[in-house]
Amino acid sequence: MSSSTPAAGVVECFSSLQGEGVLVGLRQVFLRFSGCNLTCSFCDTPGMSNLPEHCLLEQTPGRRDFIEVANPVSMQRIVSLIGEWIHGWPGVHHSISVTGGEPLLQVDALKVCLPELRKILPVHLETNGTLWEALKEVLPHLDWVGMDFKLPSASGVEPRWDDHERFLRLAAQRQVYVKVVVDETTQSWEIERSVALTAEVDPAIPLILQPMTRPDGRVSVTPIRMLEFQELASRLLSEVRVIPQTHKFMGQL
């Protein structure tokens, strides 16, 4: 990477266990970008509308020895840090989770850093599944795409069904799964529409139903209702999993 490598707004870079989705339980490097184009009510990363003054960089993977670095951060610094981790702790990490916020808002930085990161480890993009035009520009540099369907009930945002469909058709060129956060207000029609949209692209795409998870690990959906949602989804999709945010009750970041 040259000295002209772009900088980006970064919230934090750290090593932990993936707590959601199909890669749950695997050790990953997490690179969290700032900024989001949505304002979901259940967001667990507050303050995403503003660029934080500092980002937190973990010095030793998994040891929480963070230092503050002024934003925006050079992507060269991020790539070098992760490269040092993988050299010093070989075989520990499965992949790099590029997350946010919404990382695709900083697509220019991603176009430069993702090819370099992918030389170190496979890359897993976590996204709200709305910025499909930006996805086109970085898709060749991704291995997994975990995309959310934002239900109006649980998220509190306007539905983005058309954007989700366009995004998923592109993402299906990689290993992709769809995640749907549900709570006690979620309606059956929302599940049915999410499932139908996914099945139109490919009924083999895994769907993760994620009950809203509190910090103590308890969920806000009754056991019977969760099974009903799973039954609805399984009518059209071949792989439906129910997975809460497991990192919360394990005390992981």
C-alpha atoms as a PDB file:
ATOM      1  CA  MET A   1       0.000   0.000   0.000  1.00  0.00           C
ATOM      2  CA  SER A   2       1.389   3.419  -0.906  1.00  0.00           C
ATOM      3  CA  SER A   3       1.767   6.448   1.335  1.00  0.00           C
ATOM      4  CA  SER A   4      -1.316   7.890  -0.373  1.00  0.00           C
ATOM      5  CA  THR A   5      -3.515   5.171   1.129  1.00  0.00           C
ATOM      6  CA  PRO A   6      -6.836   6.740   2.182  1.00  0.00           C
ATOM      7  CA  ALA A   7      -7.826   7.195   5.786  1.00  0.00           C
ATOM      8  CA  ALA A   8     -11.217   6.240   7.181  1.00  0.00           C
ATOM      9  CA  GLY A   9     -13.367   6.777  10.222  1.00  0.00           C
ATOM     10  CA  VAL A  10     -12.852   3.751  12.466  1.00  0.00           C
ATOM     11  CA  VAL A  11     -14.525   3.034  15.803  1.00  0.00           C
ATOM     12  CA  GLU A  12     -12.325   0.136  16.873  1.00  0.00           C
ATOM     13  CA  CYS A  13     -10.191  -2.800  15.798  1.00  0.00           C
ATOM     14  CA  PHE A  14      -9.987  -5.794  18.113  1.00  0.00           C
ATOM     15  CA  SER A  15      -9.926  -9.581  18.327  1.00  0.00           C
ATOM     16  CA  SER A  16     -12.866 -11.547  19.712  1.00  0.00           C
ATOM     17  CA  LEU A  17     -15.379 -14.314  19.069  1.00  0.00           C
ATOM     18  CA  GLN A  18     -18.075 -13.883  16.442  1.00  0.00           C
ATOM     19  CA  GLY A  19     -21.356 -13.865  18.317  1.00  0.00           C
ATOM     20  CA  GLU A  20     -23.847 -13.841  15.424  1.00  0.00           C
ATOM     21  CA  GLY A  21     -24.657 -15.478  12.108  1.00  0.00           C
ATOM     22  CA  VAL A  22     -23.277 -18.590  10.424  1.00  0.00           C
ATOM     23  CA  LEU A  23     -19.718 -17.951  11.660  1.00  0.00           C
ATOM     24  CA  VAL A  24     -20.801 -17.834  15.312  1.00  0.00           C
ATOM     25  CA  GLY A  25     -18.152 -19.032  17.744  1.00  0.00           C
ATOM     26  CA  LEU A  26     -15.200 -18.466  15.413  1.00  0.00           C
ATOM     27  CA  ARG A  27     -12.344 -16.149  16.405  1.00  0.00           C
ATOM     28  CA  GLN A  28     -12.212 -13.081  14.193  1.00  0.00           C
ATOM     29  CA  VAL A  29     -10.474  -9.759  13.828  1.00  0.00           C
ATOM     30  CA  PHE A  30     -13.158  -7.073  14.018  1.00  0.00           C
ATOM     31  CA  LEU A  31     -12.664  -3.857  12.073  1.00  0.00           C
ATOM     32  CA  ARG A  32     -15.552  -1.533  12.905  1.00  0.00           C
ATOM     33  CA  PHE A  33     -16.079   1.496  10.675  1.00  0.00           C
ATOM     34  CA  SER A  34     -17.993   4.557  11.801  1.00  0.00           C
ATOM     35  CA  GLY A  35     -21.096   5.985  10.192  1.00  0.00           C
ATOM     36  CA  CYS A  36     -24.410   4.482   9.145  1.00  0.00           C
ATOM     37  CA  ASN A  37     -27.154   5.400   6.718  1.00  0.00           C
ATOM     38  CA  LEU A  38     -29.836   3.985   9.027  1.00  0.00           C
ATOM     39  CA  THR A  39     -30.877   4.707  12.620  1.00  0.00           C
ATOM     40  CA  CYS A  40     -32.105   1.370  13.922  1.00  0.00           C
ATOM     41  CA  SER A  41     -33.640   1.447  17.379  1.00  0.00           C
ATOM     42  CA  PHE A  42     -31.807  -1.725  18.438  1.00  0.00           C
ATOM     43  CA  CYS A  43     -28.337  -0.582  17.334  1.00  0.00           C
ATOM     44  CA  ASP A  44     -25.691  -1.735  19.833  1.00  0.00           C
ATOM     45  CA  THR A  45     -23.076   0.733  18.516  1.00  0.00           C
ATOM     46  CA  PRO A  46     -24.432   4.183  19.481  1.00  0.00           C
ATOM     47  CA  GLY A  47     -23.093   7.463  18.107  1.00  0.00           C
ATOM     48  CA  MET A  48     -22.718   6.157  14.578  1.00  0.00           C
ATOM     49  CA  SER A  49     -24.011   9.365  13.027  1.00  0.00           C
ATOM     50  CA  ASN A  50     -20.813  11.226  13.946  1.00  0.00           C
ATOM     51  CA  LEU A  51     -17.144  10.551  13.311  1.00  0.00           C
ATOM     52  CA  PRO A  52     -15.614   9.745  16.714  1.00  0.00           C
ATOM     53  CA  GLU A  53     -12.637  11.861  17.695  1.00  0.00           C
ATOM     54  CA  HIS A  54     -10.601   8.730  18.409  1.00  0.00           C
ATOM     55  CA  CYS A  55     -10.698   5.080  17.477  1.00  0.00           C
ATOM     56  CA  LEU A  56      -9.604   2.248  19.742  1.00  0.00           C
ATOM     57  CA  LEU A  57      -6.874  -0.087  18.485  1.00  0.00           C
ATOM     58  CA  GLU A  58      -6.145  -3.234  20.449  1.00  0.00           C
ATOM     59  CA  GLN A  59      -2.400  -3.775  20.689  1.00  0.00           C
ATOM     60  CA  THR A  60      -2.408  -7.455  21.650  1.00  0.00           C
ATOM     61  CA  PRO A  61      -5.205  -9.562  20.109  1.00  0.00           C
ATOM     62  CA  GLY A  62      -7.873 -10.401  22.662  1.00  0.00           C
ATOM     63  CA  ARG A  63      -6.166  -8.669  25.607  1.00  0.00           C
ATOM     64  CA  ARG A  64      -8.184  -5.409  25.592  1.00  0.00           C
ATOM     65  CA  ASP A  65      -5.065  -3.256  25.803  1.00  0.00           C
ATOM     66  CA  PHE A  66      -6.539  -0.483  23.674  1.00  0.00           C
ATOM     67  CA  ILE A  67      -4.873   2.756  22.690  1.00  0.00           C
ATOM     68  CA  GLU A  68      -6.617   5.821  21.279  1.00  0.00           C
ATOM     69  CA  VAL A  69      -5.707   6.954  17.783  1.00  0.00           C
ATOM     70  CA  ALA A  70      -7.048  10.109  16.169  1.00  0.00           C
ATOM     71  CA  ASN A  71      -9.624   9.711  13.393  1.00  0.00           C
ATOM     72  CA  PRO A  72      -9.549   9.338  10.469  1.00  0.00           C
ATOM     73  CA  VAL A  73      -7.092   6.434  10.601  1.00  0.00           C
ATOM     74  CA  SER A  74      -4.728   5.394   7.818  1.00  0.00           C
ATOM     75  CA  MET A  75      -5.746   2.085   6.323  1.00  0.00           C
ATOM     76  CA  GLN A  76      -2.044   1.254   6.116  1.00  0.00           C
ATOM     77  CA  ARG A  77      -1.876   1.353   9.910  1.00  0.00           C
ATOM     78  CA  ILE A  78      -4.861  -0.977  10.216  1.00  0.00           C
ATOM     79  CA  VAL A  79      -3.504  -3.475   7.704  1.00  0.00           C
ATOM     80  CA  SER A  80      -0.078  -3.461   9.370  1.00  0.00           C
ATOM     81  CA  LEU A  81      -1.584  -4.027  12.816  1.00  0.00           C
ATOM     82  CA  ILE A  82      -3.672  -6.987  11.679  1.00  0.00           C
ATOM     83  CA  GLY A  83      -0.721  -8.414   9.783  1.00  0.00           C
ATOM     84  CA  GLU A  84       1.370  -8.286  12.961  1.00  0.00           C
ATOM     85  CA  TRP A  85      -1.328 -10.165  14.868  1.00  0.00           C
ATOM     86  CA  ILE A  86      -1.513 -12.947  12.319  1.00  0.00           C
ATOM     87  CA  HIS A  87       2.277 -13.254  12.212  1.00  0.00           C
ATOM     88  CA  GLY A  88       2.587 -13.325  16.001  1.00  0.00           C
ATOM     89  CA  TRP A  89      -0.463 -15.523  16.673  1.00  0.00           C
ATOM     90  CA  PRO A  90      -0.680 -17.845  13.656  1.00  0.00           C
ATOM     91  CA  GLY A  91      -3.746 -20.030  13.293  1.00  0.00           C
ATOM     92  CA  VAL A  92      -5.762 -18.194  15.958  1.00  0.00           C
ATOM     93  CA  HIS A  93      -8.112 -16.229  13.713  1.00  0.00           C
ATOM     94  CA  HIS A  94     -10.556 -17.574  11.167  1.00  0.00           C
ATOM     95  CA  SER A  95     -11.280 -14.342   9.268  1.00  0.00           C
ATOM     96  CA  ILE A  96     -11.627 -10.567   9.403  1.00  0.00           C
ATOM     97  CA  SER A  97     -15.071  -9.140  10.114  1.00  0.00           C
ATOM     98  CA  VAL A  98     -15.530  -5.754   8.442  1.00  0.00           C
ATOM     99  CA  THR A  99     -18.452  -4.189  10.259  1.00  0.00           C
ATOM    100  CA  GLY A 100     -19.949  -0.948  11.531  1.00  0.00           C
ATOM    101  CA  GLY A 101     -22.138   1.024  11.483  1.00  0.00           C
ATOM    102  CA  GLU A 102     -22.309   0.505   7.769  1.00  0.00           C
ATOM    103  CA  PRO A 103     -18.842  -0.099   6.316  1.00  0.00           C
ATOM    104  CA  LEU A 104     -19.986   0.352   2.707  1.00  0.00           C
ATOM    105  CA  LEU A 105     -20.395   4.075   3.364  1.00  0.00           C
ATOM    106  CA  GLN A 106     -16.588   4.221   3.181  1.00  0.00           C
ATOM    107  CA  VAL A 107     -16.299   2.271  -0.035  1.00  0.00           C
ATOM    108  CA  ASP A 108     -13.273   4.209  -1.326  1.00  0.00           C
ATOM    109  CA  ALA A 109     -11.207   3.121   1.675  1.00  0.00           C
ATOM    110  CA  LEU A 110     -12.546  -0.425   1.378  1.00  0.00           C
ATOM    111  CA  LYS A 111     -11.521  -0.691  -2.274  1.00  0.00           C
ATOM    112  CA  VAL A 112      -7.940  -0.064  -1.205  1.00  0.00           C
ATOM    113  CA  CYS A 113      -7.686  -1.995   2.065  1.00  0.00           C
ATOM    114  CA  LEU A 114      -9.799  -5.084   1.371  1.00  0.00           C
ATOM    115  CA  PRO A 115      -7.421  -6.604  -1.221  1.00  0.00           C
ATOM    116  CA  GLU A 116      -4.598  -6.199   1.307  1.00  0.00           C
ATOM    117  CA  LEU A 117      -6.610  -7.606   4.190  1.00  0.00           C
ATOM    118  CA  ARG A 118      -7.661 -10.574   2.088  1.00  0.00           C
ATOM    119  CA  LYS A 119      -3.993 -11.474   1.631  1.00  0.00           C
ATOM    120  CA  ILE A 120      -3.880 -11.923   5.416  1.00  0.00           C
ATOM    121  CA  LEU A 121      -7.212 -13.666   6.129  1.00  0.00           C
ATOM    122  CA  PRO A 122     -10.588 -14.241   4.449  1.00  0.00           C
ATOM    123  CA  VAL A 123     -12.911 -11.232   4.683  1.00  0.00           C
ATOM    124  CA  HIS A 124     -16.423 -11.272   6.154  1.00  0.00           C
ATOM    125  CA  LEU A 125     -18.583  -8.186   5.491  1.00  0.00           C
ATOM    126  CA  GLU A 126     -21.360  -7.358   7.960  1.00  0.00           C
ATOM    127  CA  THR A 127     -23.825  -4.940   6.393  1.00  0.00           C
ATOM    128  CA  ASN A 128     -27.367  -3.609   6.594  1.00  0.00           C
ATOM    129  CA  GLY A 129     -27.881  -4.767   3.015  1.00  0.00           C
ATOM    130  CA  THR A 130     -29.043  -1.497   1.465  1.00  0.00           C
ATOM    131  CA  LEU A 131     -26.036   0.020  -0.359  1.00  0.00           C
ATOM    132  CA  TRP A 132     -25.970  -2.347  -3.315  1.00  0.00           C
ATOM    133  CA  GLU A 133     -24.152   0.052  -5.641  1.00  0.00           C
ATOM    134  CA  ALA A 134     -21.224   0.234  -3.205  1.00  0.00           C
ATOM    135  CA  LEU A 135     -21.259  -3.560  -2.850  1.00  0.00           C
ATOM    136  CA  LYS A 136     -20.568  -3.887  -6.594  1.00  0.00           C
ATOM    137  CA  GLU A 137     -17.250  -2.107  -6.115  1.00  0.00           C
ATOM    138  CA  VAL A 138     -15.885  -4.389  -3.382  1.00  0.00           C
ATOM    139  CA  LEU A 139     -17.577  -7.730  -4.084  1.00  0.00           C
ATOM    140  CA  PRO A 140     -14.475  -9.320  -5.670  1.00  0.00           C
ATOM    141  CA  HIS A 141     -12.589  -8.792  -2.402  1.00  0.00           C
ATOM    142  CA  LEU A 142     -15.101 -10.547  -0.129  1.00  0.00           C
ATOM    143  CA  ASP A 143     -15.484 -14.157   0.979  1.00  0.00           C
ATOM    144  CA  TRP A 144     -18.633 -13.929   3.132  1.00  0.00           C
ATOM    145  CA  VAL A 145     -21.464 -11.416   3.226  1.00  0.00           C
ATOM    146  CA  GLY A 146     -23.739 -11.286   6.240  1.00  0.00           C
ATOM    147  CA  MET A 147     -26.606  -8.929   5.419  1.00  0.00           C
ATOM    148  CA  ASP A 148     -29.478  -7.756   7.569  1.00  0.00           C
ATOM    149  CA  PHE A 149     -33.074  -7.403   6.541  1.00  0.00           C
ATOM    150  CA  LYS A 150     -34.316  -4.429   8.549  1.00  0.00           C
ATOM    151  CA  LEU A 151     -37.871  -5.175   9.660  1.00  0.00           C
ATOM    152  CA  PRO A 152     -39.935  -2.027  10.301  1.00  0.00           C
ATOM    153  CA  SER A 153     -41.200  -3.364  13.630  1.00  0.00           C
ATOM    154  CA  ALA A 154     -37.911  -4.246  15.319  1.00  0.00           C
ATOM    155  CA  SER A 155     -35.669  -1.639  13.682  1.00  0.00           C
ATOM    156  CA  GLY A 156     -37.965   1.373  13.668  1.00  0.00           C
ATOM    157  CA  VAL A 157     -36.786   2.346  10.158  1.00  0.00           C
ATOM    158  CA  GLU A 158     -38.672   2.534   6.876  1.00  0.00           C
ATOM    159  CA  PRO A 159     -38.700  -0.773   4.951  1.00  0.00           C
ATOM    160  CA  ARG A 160     -36.003  -1.146   2.277  1.00  0.00           C
ATOM    161  CA  TRP A 161     -37.270  -4.248   0.465  1.00  0.00           C
ATOM    162  CA  ASP A 162     -36.179  -3.189  -3.040  1.00  0.00           C
ATOM    163  CA  ASP A 163     -32.686  -2.311  -1.862  1.00  0.00           C
ATOM    164  CA  HIS A 164     -32.446  -5.596   0.053  1.00  0.00           C
ATOM    165  CA  GLU A 165     -33.419  -7.575  -3.050  1.00  0.00           C
ATOM    166  CA  ARG A 166     -30.870  -5.848  -5.293  1.00  0.00           C
ATOM    167  CA  PHE A 167     -28.210  -6.239  -2.631  1.00  0.00           C
ATOM    168  CA  LEU A 168     -28.922  -9.932  -2.083  1.00  0.00           C
ATOM    169  CA  ARG A 169     -28.796 -10.760  -5.799  1.00  0.00           C
ATOM    170  CA  LEU A 170     -25.287  -9.316  -5.902  1.00  0.00           C
ATOM    171  CA  ALA A 171     -24.181 -10.817  -2.600  1.00  0.00           C
ATOM    172  CA  ALA A 172     -25.309 -14.270  -3.733  1.00  0.00           C
ATOM    173  CA  GLN A 173     -22.151 -14.371  -5.861  1.00  0.00           C
ATOM    174  CA  ARG A 174     -20.310 -14.967  -2.572  1.00  0.00           C
ATOM    175  CA  GLN A 175     -21.044 -17.025   0.520  1.00  0.00           C
ATOM    176  CA  VAL A 176     -24.002 -15.084   1.860  1.00  0.00           C
ATOM    177  CA  TYR A 177     -26.492 -15.366   4.673  1.00  0.00           C
ATOM    178  CA  VAL A 178     -29.402 -13.192   5.729  1.00  0.00           C
ATOM    179  CA  LYS A 179     -29.980 -12.102   9.316  1.00  0.00           C
ATOM    180  CA  VAL A 180     -33.319 -10.844  10.613  1.00  0.00           C
ATOM    181  CA  VAL A 181     -33.558  -9.298  14.081  1.00  0.00           C
ATOM    182  CA  VAL A 182     -36.958  -9.945  15.654  1.00  0.00           C
ATOM    183  CA  ASP A 183     -38.610  -8.790  18.863  1.00  0.00           C
ATOM    184  CA  GLU A 184     -41.998  -9.025  20.546  1.00  0.00           C
ATOM    185  CA  THR A 185     -43.485  -6.544  18.042  1.00  0.00           C
ATOM    186  CA  THR A 186     -42.441  -8.465  14.907  1.00  0.00           C
ATOM    187  CA  GLN A 187     -45.341  -9.446  12.666  1.00  0.00           C
ATOM    188  CA  SER A 188     -45.658 -12.707  10.752  1.00  0.00           C
ATOM    189  CA  TRP A 189     -46.005 -10.868   7.429  1.00  0.00           C
ATOM    190  CA  GLU A 190     -42.559  -9.339   7.917  1.00  0.00           C
ATOM    191  CA  ILE A 191     -41.017 -12.790   8.251  1.00  0.00           C
ATOM    192  CA  GLU A 192     -42.987 -14.074   5.270  1.00  0.00           C
ATOM    193  CA  ARG A 193     -41.881 -11.188   3.051  1.00  0.00           C
ATOM    194  CA  SER A 194     -38.228 -11.555   4.085  1.00  0.00           C
ATOM    195  CA  VAL A 195     -38.349 -15.265   3.401  1.00  0.00           C
ATOM    196  CA  ALA A 196     -40.094 -14.900   0.028  1.00  0.00           C
ATOM    197  CA  LEU A 197     -37.542 -12.330  -1.107  1.00  0.00           C
ATOM    198  CA  THR A 198     -34.665 -14.578  -0.073  1.00  0.00           C
ATOM    199  CA  ALA A 199     -36.185 -17.660  -1.688  1.00  0.00           C
ATOM    200  CA  GLU A 200     -36.607 -15.817  -4.988  1.00  0.00           C
ATOM    201  CA  VAL A 201     -32.856 -15.318  -5.097  1.00  0.00           C
ATOM    202  CA  ASP A 202     -31.903 -18.782  -3.793  1.00  0.00           C
ATOM    203  CA  PRO A 203     -33.821 -20.960  -1.307  1.00  0.00           C
ATOM    204  CA  ALA A 204     -30.511 -22.422  -0.118  1.00  0.00           C
ATOM    205  CA  ILE A 205     -29.355 -19.087   1.340  1.00  0.00           C
ATOM    206  CA  PRO A 206     -29.174 -19.520   5.129  1.00  0.00           C
ATOM    207  CA  LEU A 207     -31.519 -17.346   7.177  1.00  0.00           C
ATOM    208  CA  ILE A 208     -30.609 -16.406  10.744  1.00  0.00           C
ATOM    209  CA  LEU A 209     -33.517 -15.384  12.962  1.00  0.00           C
ATOM    210  CA  GLN A 210     -31.927 -13.347  15.750  1.00  0.00           C
ATOM    211  CA  PRO A 211     -34.162 -12.619  18.741  1.00  0.00           C
ATOM    212  CA  MET A 212     -33.425  -9.246  20.306  1.00  0.00           C
ATOM    213  CA  THR A 213     -30.800 -10.038  22.901  1.00  0.00           C
ATOM    214  CA  ARG A 214     -30.342  -8.135  26.150  1.00  0.00           C
ATOM    215  CA  PRO A 215     -26.877  -7.671  27.710  1.00  0.00           C
ATOM    216  CA  ASP A 216     -27.521 -10.509  30.172  1.00  0.00           C
ATOM    217  CA  GLY A 217     -28.282 -12.903  27.319  1.00  0.00           C
ATOM    218  CA  ARG A 218     -32.049 -13.011  27.765  1.00  0.00           C
ATOM    219  CA  VAL A 219     -34.152 -12.565  24.656  1.00  0.00           C
ATOM    220  CA  SER A 220     -37.306 -10.522  24.134  1.00  0.00           C
ATOM    221  CA  VAL A 221     -39.285 -13.109  22.145  1.00  0.00           C
ATOM    222  CA  THR A 222     -41.185 -15.970  23.770  1.00  0.00           C
ATOM    223  CA  PRO A 223     -40.005 -19.521  23.000  1.00  0.00           C
ATOM    224  CA  ILE A 224     -43.258 -20.446  21.256  1.00  0.00           C
ATOM    225  CA  ARG A 225     -43.268 -17.304  19.104  1.00  0.00           C
ATOM    226  CA  MET A 226     -39.678 -17.963  18.073  1.00  0.00           C
ATOM    227  CA  LEU A 227     -40.610 -21.459  16.943  1.00  0.00           C
ATOM    228  CA  GLU A 228     -43.540 -20.048  14.985  1.00  0.00           C
ATOM    229  CA  PHE A 229     -41.199 -17.686  13.149  1.00  0.00           C
ATOM    230  CA  GLN A 230     -38.884 -20.607  12.369  1.00  0.00           C
ATOM    231  CA  GLU A 231     -41.810 -22.611  11.001  1.00  0.00           C
ATOM    232  CA  LEU A 232     -42.869 -19.748   8.725  1.00  0.00           C
ATOM    233  CA  ALA A 233     -39.364 -19.353   7.346  1.00  0.00           C
ATOM    234  CA  SER A 234     -38.822 -23.061   6.812  1.00  0.00           C
ATOM    235  CA  ARG A 235     -41.717 -23.263   4.348  1.00  0.00           C
ATOM    236  CA  LEU A 236     -39.530 -21.733   1.616  1.00  0.00           C
ATOM    237  CA  LEU A 237     -35.933 -21.894   2.853  1.00  0.00           C
ATOM    238  CA  SER A 238     -33.832 -24.995   3.424  1.00  0.00           C
ATOM    239  CA  GLU A 239     -31.672 -23.625   6.248  1.00  0.00           C
ATOM    240  CA  VAL A 240     -33.209 -21.543   9.023  1.00  0.00           C
ATOM    241  CA  ARG A 241     -31.329 -21.058  12.280  1.00  0.00           C
ATOM    242  CA  VAL A 242     -32.297 -19.267  15.493  1.00  0.00           C
ATOM    243  CA  ILE A 243     -29.221 -17.667  17.064  1.00  0.00           C
ATOM    244  CA  PRO A 244     -29.213 -14.903  19.694  1.00  0.00           C
ATOM    245  CA  GLN A 245     -26.240 -12.564  20.165  1.00  0.00           C
ATOM    246  CA  THR A 246     -24.085 -15.116  21.981  1.00  0.00           C
ATOM    247  CA  HIS A 247     -21.190 -12.743  22.668  1.00  0.00           C
ATOM    248  CA  LYS A 248     -23.361 -10.761  25.084  1.00  0.00           C
ATOM    249  CA  PHE A 249     -23.757 -13.534  27.648  1.00  0.00           C
ATOM    250  CA  MET A 250     -20.138 -14.637  27.188  1.00  0.00           C
ATOM    251  CA  GLY A 251     -18.890 -11.164  28.036  1.00  0.00           C
ATOM    252  CA  GLN A 252     -17.123 -10.785  24.682  1.00  0.00           C
ATOM    253  CA  LEU A 253     -16.942  -7.521  22.758  1.00  0.00           C
END
